[in-house]
Amino acid sequence: MDFIITDLIRLAQNQIVICDLHLSLKEAMQLTAPERIVFLLRNPQNVIEDYCNRRDHEDFNQFINSASNPALAKERCNKVLESLNRGRYEAIKKSQYFWVERDESSTIESTLFLVAKHFGF
């Protein structure tokens, strides 16, 4: 993380930099002011299907579907991911940080519009 932050600081000296990374609320608070961050959220209740359908996660999709019972493997992964992420998700939604929750009706364009509006682009 230290190397990433150092590179972002260096890059941001001469230009606007947008970085997509996973931060906890605590990490965000340590890094910068709330108006400089947008959290992109997804309800952690059932994320595996979306995760498996992403082209950049094809290896994970193949792994899950290689299980003797892929439906059970997805169910168990969903439960673990929800237990790991529910607290973070709720904390971000209650925080002073701007967040956008993506769902089945979200589009790239609508998400980009909200993020651009937040940053004043």
N, C-alpha and C. Protein backbone atom coordinates (compact mmCIF):
# COMPACT_ATOMS: atom_id res chain seq x y z
N MET A 1 0.83 -1.19 0.00
CA MET A 1 0.00 0.00 0.00
C MET A 1 0.87 1.25 0.00
N ASP A 2 1.97 1.23 0.76
CA ASP A 2 2.84 2.41 0.83
C ASP A 2 3.37 2.80 -0.55
N PHE A 3 3.74 1.81 -1.36
CA PHE A 3 4.25 2.11 -2.70
C PHE A 3 3.16 2.72 -3.58
N ILE A 4 1.96 2.22 -3.46
CA ILE A 4 0.85 2.75 -4.25
C ILE A 4 0.59 4.20 -3.87
N ILE A 5 0.53 4.48 -2.60
CA ILE A 5 0.26 5.84 -2.13
C ILE A 5 1.38 6.78 -2.57
N THR A 6 2.62 6.35 -2.45
CA THR A 6 3.74 7.17 -2.88
C THR A 6 3.65 7.49 -4.37
N ASP A 7 3.33 6.50 -5.18
CA ASP A 7 3.18 6.72 -6.62
C ASP A 7 2.02 7.66 -6.92
N LEU A 8 0.91 7.51 -6.21
CA LEU A 8 -0.24 8.39 -6.43
C LEU A 8 0.09 9.83 -6.08
N ILE A 9 0.78 10.04 -4.99
CA ILE A 9 1.18 11.39 -4.59
C ILE A 9 2.08 12.00 -5.66
N ARG A 10 3.04 11.23 -6.14
CA ARG A 10 3.96 11.71 -7.18
C ARG A 10 3.20 12.05 -8.45
N LEU A 11 2.32 11.17 -8.89
CA LEU A 11 1.56 11.40 -10.11
C LEU A 11 0.62 12.60 -9.98
N ALA A 12 0.05 12.80 -8.82
CA ALA A 12 -0.95 13.85 -8.61
C ALA A 12 -0.35 15.25 -8.54
N GLN A 13 0.96 15.36 -8.54
CA GLN A 13 1.58 16.68 -8.47
C GLN A 13 1.32 17.50 -9.73
N ASN A 14 1.16 16.82 -10.88
CA ASN A 14 1.03 17.53 -12.15
C ASN A 14 -0.25 17.22 -12.91
N GLN A 15 -1.12 16.42 -12.33
CA GLN A 15 -2.32 16.02 -13.05
C GLN A 15 -3.36 15.45 -12.09
N ILE A 16 -4.57 15.33 -12.57
CA ILE A 16 -5.62 14.66 -11.81
C ILE A 16 -5.38 13.16 -11.94
N VAL A 17 -5.46 12.47 -10.82
CA VAL A 17 -5.25 11.02 -10.82
C VAL A 17 -6.47 10.36 -10.19
N ILE A 18 -6.98 9.37 -10.88
CA ILE A 18 -8.07 8.57 -10.35
C ILE A 18 -7.55 7.15 -10.19
N CYS A 19 -7.76 6.60 -9.00
CA CYS A 19 -7.25 5.27 -8.70
C CYS A 19 -8.38 4.42 -8.14
N ASP A 20 -8.51 3.23 -8.64
CA ASP A 20 -9.51 2.29 -8.15
C ASP A 20 -8.79 1.26 -7.28
N LEU A 21 -9.08 1.32 -5.98
CA LEU A 21 -8.48 0.35 -5.08
C LEU A 21 -9.42 0.09 -3.91
N HIS A 22 -9.13 -0.94 -3.19
CA HIS A 22 -9.94 -1.30 -2.03
C HIS A 22 -9.36 -0.61 -0.80
N LEU A 23 -10.15 0.24 -0.19
CA LEU A 23 -9.75 0.91 1.04
C LEU A 23 -10.80 0.66 2.11
N SER A 24 -10.34 0.50 3.31
CA SER A 24 -11.27 0.49 4.43
C SER A 24 -11.59 1.94 4.76
N LEU A 25 -12.61 2.16 5.53
CA LEU A 25 -12.97 3.51 5.95
C LEU A 25 -11.81 4.13 6.74
N LYS A 26 -11.20 3.34 7.59
CA LYS A 26 -10.07 3.82 8.39
C LYS A 26 -8.92 4.26 7.48
N GLU A 27 -8.60 3.47 6.48
CA GLU A 27 -7.52 3.84 5.55
C GLU A 27 -7.87 5.12 4.80
N ALA A 28 -9.11 5.24 4.36
CA ALA A 28 -9.54 6.44 3.64
C ALA A 28 -9.37 7.68 4.53
N MET A 29 -9.75 7.56 5.78
CA MET A 29 -9.64 8.69 6.71
C MET A 29 -8.19 9.11 6.92
N GLN A 30 -7.29 8.16 6.88
CA GLN A 30 -5.88 8.45 7.07
C GLN A 30 -5.25 9.08 5.83
N LEU A 31 -5.83 8.82 4.67
CA LEU A 31 -5.20 9.25 3.42
C LEU A 31 -5.56 10.66 2.96
N THR A 32 -6.84 11.00 3.01
CA THR A 32 -7.25 12.26 2.41
C THR A 32 -8.62 12.69 2.90
N ALA A 33 -9.01 13.85 2.47
CA ALA A 33 -10.30 14.42 2.86
C ALA A 33 -11.44 13.67 2.17
N PRO A 34 -12.60 13.62 2.80
CA PRO A 34 -13.74 12.89 2.23
C PRO A 34 -14.13 13.33 0.82
N GLU A 35 -13.99 14.60 0.51
CA GLU A 35 -14.40 15.06 -0.83
C GLU A 35 -13.49 14.54 -1.94
N ARG A 36 -12.41 13.87 -1.58
CA ARG A 36 -11.48 13.36 -2.59
C ARG A 36 -11.62 11.86 -2.83
N ILE A 37 -12.65 11.27 -2.23
CA ILE A 37 -12.85 9.82 -2.35
C ILE A 37 -14.30 9.52 -2.68
N VAL A 38 -14.50 8.52 -3.51
CA VAL A 38 -15.82 7.95 -3.76
C VAL A 38 -15.71 6.45 -3.51
N PHE A 39 -16.60 5.95 -2.70
CA PHE A 39 -16.67 4.51 -2.50
C PHE A 39 -17.71 3.95 -3.47
N LEU A 40 -17.32 2.98 -4.25
CA LEU A 40 -18.25 2.27 -5.12
C LEU A 40 -18.65 1.00 -4.39
N LEU A 41 -19.91 0.93 -4.03
CA LEU A 41 -20.39 -0.17 -3.20
C LEU A 41 -21.28 -1.12 -3.98
N ARG A 42 -21.31 -2.31 -3.50
CA ARG A 42 -22.22 -3.35 -3.96
C ARG A 42 -22.69 -4.07 -2.72
N ASN A 43 -23.99 -4.26 -2.59
CA ASN A 43 -24.49 -4.99 -1.43
C ASN A 43 -23.79 -6.34 -1.37
N PRO A 44 -23.15 -6.65 -0.25
CA PRO A 44 -22.35 -7.88 -0.18
C PRO A 44 -23.17 -9.17 -0.04
N GLN A 45 -24.47 -9.06 -0.15
CA GLN A 45 -25.32 -10.23 0.08
C GLN A 45 -25.15 -11.31 -0.97
N ASN A 46 -24.99 -10.95 -2.23
CA ASN A 46 -24.92 -11.96 -3.28
C ASN A 46 -24.00 -11.48 -4.40
N VAL A 47 -22.72 -11.44 -4.13
CA VAL A 47 -21.77 -10.87 -5.08
C VAL A 47 -21.08 -11.89 -5.98
N ILE A 48 -21.13 -13.15 -5.62
CA ILE A 48 -20.38 -14.16 -6.36
C ILE A 48 -20.82 -14.27 -7.82
N GLU A 49 -22.10 -14.22 -8.08
CA GLU A 49 -22.58 -14.34 -9.46
C GLU A 49 -22.00 -13.22 -10.33
N ASP A 50 -22.07 -12.00 -9.82
CA ASP A 50 -21.49 -10.88 -10.55
C ASP A 50 -19.98 -11.05 -10.71
N TYR A 51 -19.33 -11.46 -9.66
CA TYR A 51 -17.89 -11.65 -9.67
C TYR A 51 -17.51 -12.70 -10.71
N CYS A 52 -18.23 -13.80 -10.72
CA CYS A 52 -17.93 -14.88 -11.67
C CYS A 52 -18.21 -14.48 -13.12
N ASN A 53 -19.13 -13.55 -13.32
CA ASN A 53 -19.48 -13.14 -14.68
C ASN A 53 -18.55 -12.09 -15.27
N ARG A 54 -17.62 -11.60 -14.48
CA ARG A 54 -16.67 -10.60 -14.99
C ARG A 54 -15.59 -11.29 -15.82
N ARG A 55 -15.27 -10.70 -16.97
CA ARG A 55 -14.25 -11.28 -17.85
C ARG A 55 -12.90 -11.38 -17.17
N ASP A 56 -12.58 -10.41 -16.30
CA ASP A 56 -11.29 -10.42 -15.64
C ASP A 56 -11.21 -11.41 -14.47
N HIS A 57 -12.30 -12.11 -14.19
CA HIS A 57 -12.31 -13.13 -13.14
C HIS A 57 -12.68 -14.51 -13.69
N GLU A 58 -12.36 -14.73 -14.94
CA GLU A 58 -12.68 -16.01 -15.58
C GLU A 58 -12.03 -17.19 -14.86
N ASP A 59 -10.81 -17.01 -14.37
CA ASP A 59 -10.13 -18.10 -13.65
C ASP A 59 -10.90 -18.49 -12.39
N PHE A 60 -11.40 -17.49 -11.66
CA PHE A 60 -12.18 -17.78 -10.46
C PHE A 60 -13.48 -18.48 -10.83
N ASN A 61 -14.11 -18.03 -11.90
CA ASN A 61 -15.34 -18.65 -12.37
C ASN A 61 -15.10 -20.12 -12.70
N GLN A 62 -14.02 -20.41 -13.39
CA GLN A 62 -13.70 -21.80 -13.73
C GLN A 62 -13.44 -22.62 -12.47
N PHE A 63 -12.77 -22.00 -11.50
CA PHE A 63 -12.50 -22.69 -10.24
C PHE A 63 -13.81 -23.04 -9.52
N ILE A 64 -14.70 -22.07 -9.38
CA ILE A 64 -15.99 -22.30 -8.70
C ILE A 64 -16.79 -23.38 -9.43
N ASN A 65 -16.81 -23.30 -10.74
CA ASN A 65 -17.60 -24.26 -11.52
C ASN A 65 -16.95 -25.63 -11.62
N SER A 66 -15.71 -25.76 -11.16
CA SER A 66 -15.06 -27.07 -11.15
C SER A 66 -15.39 -27.84 -9.87
N ALA A 67 -16.06 -27.18 -8.93
CA ALA A 67 -16.44 -27.85 -7.68
C ALA A 67 -17.45 -28.95 -7.97
N SER A 68 -17.50 -29.93 -7.10
CA SER A 68 -18.47 -31.02 -7.30
C SER A 68 -19.90 -30.51 -7.24
N ASN A 69 -20.13 -29.42 -6.52
CA ASN A 69 -21.44 -28.79 -6.44
C ASN A 69 -21.25 -27.27 -6.57
N PRO A 70 -21.19 -26.74 -7.80
CA PRO A 70 -20.94 -25.30 -7.99
C PRO A 70 -21.95 -24.41 -7.28
N ALA A 71 -23.20 -24.80 -7.22
CA ALA A 71 -24.21 -23.97 -6.55
C ALA A 71 -23.89 -23.84 -5.05
N LEU A 72 -23.50 -24.94 -4.43
CA LEU A 72 -23.13 -24.92 -3.02
C LEU A 72 -21.85 -24.11 -2.81
N ALA A 73 -20.89 -24.24 -3.71
CA ALA A 73 -19.65 -23.47 -3.62
C ALA A 73 -19.95 -21.97 -3.69
N LYS A 74 -20.83 -21.57 -4.60
CA LYS A 74 -21.21 -20.15 -4.72
C LYS A 74 -21.92 -19.68 -3.45
N GLU A 75 -22.81 -20.51 -2.94
CA GLU A 75 -23.54 -20.15 -1.72
C GLU A 75 -22.59 -19.93 -0.56
N ARG A 76 -21.63 -20.83 -0.40
CA ARG A 76 -20.68 -20.70 0.70
C ARG A 76 -19.78 -19.48 0.52
N CYS A 77 -19.33 -19.24 -0.71
CA CYS A 77 -18.52 -18.05 -0.98
C CYS A 77 -19.30 -16.78 -0.68
N ASN A 78 -20.57 -16.75 -1.06
CA ASN A 78 -21.40 -15.58 -0.78
C ASN A 78 -21.50 -15.33 0.72
N LYS A 79 -21.69 -16.39 1.50
CA LYS A 79 -21.82 -16.24 2.95
C LYS A 79 -20.52 -15.70 3.56
N VAL A 80 -19.39 -16.22 3.10
CA VAL A 80 -18.11 -15.75 3.62
C VAL A 80 -17.87 -14.30 3.24
N LEU A 81 -18.09 -13.96 1.97
CA LEU A 81 -17.88 -12.59 1.53
C LEU A 81 -18.80 -11.61 2.24
N GLU A 82 -20.04 -12.01 2.46
CA GLU A 82 -20.96 -11.13 3.17
C GLU A 82 -20.49 -10.92 4.61
N SER A 83 -20.06 -11.98 5.26
CA SER A 83 -19.60 -11.83 6.64
C SER A 83 -18.35 -10.96 6.74
N LEU A 84 -17.50 -11.02 5.73
CA LEU A 84 -16.28 -10.21 5.72
C LEU A 84 -16.56 -8.74 5.39
N ASN A 85 -17.58 -8.48 4.60
CA ASN A 85 -17.79 -7.15 4.06
C ASN A 85 -19.00 -6.39 4.60
N ARG A 86 -19.93 -7.03 5.27
CA ARG A 86 -21.15 -6.36 5.73
C ARG A 86 -20.83 -5.16 6.62
N GLY A 87 -19.92 -5.32 7.57
CA GLY A 87 -19.58 -4.23 8.48
C GLY A 87 -18.98 -3.03 7.75
N ARG A 88 -18.07 -3.30 6.82
CA ARG A 88 -17.47 -2.21 6.03
C ARG A 88 -18.51 -1.50 5.19
N TYR A 89 -19.36 -2.26 4.58
CA TYR A 89 -20.42 -1.72 3.72
C TYR A 89 -21.32 -0.78 4.52
N GLU A 90 -21.78 -1.22 5.68
CA GLU A 90 -22.66 -0.41 6.52
C GLU A 90 -21.94 0.83 7.05
N ALA A 91 -20.68 0.67 7.45
CA ALA A 91 -19.91 1.80 7.98
C ALA A 91 -19.71 2.88 6.92
N ILE A 92 -19.42 2.49 5.72
CA ILE A 92 -19.23 3.47 4.63
C ILE A 92 -20.54 4.20 4.37
N LYS A 93 -21.65 3.48 4.34
CA LYS A 93 -22.94 4.11 4.07
C LYS A 93 -23.32 5.12 5.16
N LYS A 94 -22.86 4.90 6.38
CA LYS A 94 -23.17 5.80 7.49
C LYS A 94 -22.13 6.91 7.64
N SER A 95 -21.07 6.87 6.86
CA SER A 95 -19.96 7.81 7.02
C SER A 95 -20.22 9.12 6.28
N GLN A 96 -19.26 10.02 6.40
CA GLN A 96 -19.31 11.30 5.70
C GLN A 96 -18.82 11.20 4.26
N TYR A 97 -18.38 10.02 3.84
CA TYR A 97 -17.85 9.84 2.50
C TYR A 97 -18.97 9.65 1.48
N PHE A 98 -18.71 10.15 0.29
CA PHE A 98 -19.65 9.97 -0.82
C PHE A 98 -19.53 8.53 -1.30
N TRP A 99 -20.66 7.92 -1.57
CA TRP A 99 -20.65 6.54 -2.07
C TRP A 99 -21.72 6.38 -3.14
N VAL A 100 -21.47 5.44 -4.02
CA VAL A 100 -22.42 5.07 -5.07
C VAL A 100 -22.63 3.57 -4.94
N GLU A 101 -23.87 3.17 -4.77
CA GLU A 101 -24.15 1.74 -4.68
C GLU A 101 -24.59 1.23 -6.04
N ARG A 102 -23.86 0.27 -6.53
CA ARG A 102 -24.18 -0.33 -7.82
C ARG A 102 -25.11 -1.52 -7.61
N ASP A 103 -26.04 -1.68 -8.54
CA ASP A 103 -26.94 -2.82 -8.51
C ASP A 103 -27.21 -3.27 -9.94
N GLU A 104 -28.20 -4.13 -10.11
CA GLU A 104 -28.50 -4.69 -11.43
C GLU A 104 -28.89 -3.62 -12.44
N SER A 105 -29.44 -2.50 -11.98
CA SER A 105 -29.87 -1.46 -12.90
C SER A 105 -28.77 -0.43 -13.19
N SER A 106 -27.66 -0.52 -12.49
CA SER A 106 -26.57 0.43 -12.70
C SER A 106 -25.90 0.22 -14.05
N THR A 107 -25.47 1.33 -14.62
CA THR A 107 -24.69 1.26 -15.86
C THR A 107 -23.35 1.95 -15.60
N ILE A 108 -22.41 1.67 -16.46
CA ILE A 108 -21.11 2.35 -16.36
C ILE A 108 -21.32 3.85 -16.49
N GLU A 109 -22.16 4.24 -17.44
CA GLU A 109 -22.40 5.65 -17.69
C GLU A 109 -23.02 6.35 -16.47
N SER A 110 -24.01 5.71 -15.84
CA SER A 110 -24.65 6.35 -14.68
C SER A 110 -23.68 6.46 -13.50
N THR A 111 -22.86 5.45 -13.32
CA THR A 111 -21.87 5.49 -12.25
C THR A 111 -20.84 6.58 -12.53
N LEU A 112 -20.34 6.63 -13.76
CA LEU A 112 -19.37 7.67 -14.12
C LEU A 112 -19.95 9.07 -13.95
N PHE A 113 -21.22 9.25 -14.29
CA PHE A 113 -21.87 10.55 -14.14
C PHE A 113 -21.86 10.98 -12.68
N LEU A 114 -22.24 10.08 -11.78
CA LEU A 114 -22.29 10.42 -10.35
C LEU A 114 -20.90 10.72 -9.79
N VAL A 115 -19.91 9.93 -10.21
CA VAL A 115 -18.54 10.16 -9.75
C VAL A 115 -18.01 11.48 -10.29
N ALA A 116 -18.23 11.74 -11.58
CA ALA A 116 -17.77 12.99 -12.18
C ALA A 116 -18.44 14.20 -11.51
N LYS A 117 -19.72 14.08 -11.22
CA LYS A 117 -20.45 15.16 -10.56
C LYS A 117 -19.85 15.42 -9.17
N HIS A 118 -19.58 14.36 -8.44
CA HIS A 118 -18.99 14.51 -7.10
C HIS A 118 -17.65 15.25 -7.16
N PHE A 119 -16.83 14.91 -8.14
CA PHE A 119 -15.52 15.53 -8.25
C PHE A 119 -15.54 16.86 -9.00
N GLY A 120 -16.68 17.24 -9.53
CA GLY A 120 -16.79 18.51 -10.24
C GLY A 120 -16.20 18.48 -11.63
N PHE A 121 -16.19 17.33 -12.25
CA PHE A 121 -15.65 17.22 -13.63
C PHE A 121 -16.72 17.56 -14.64
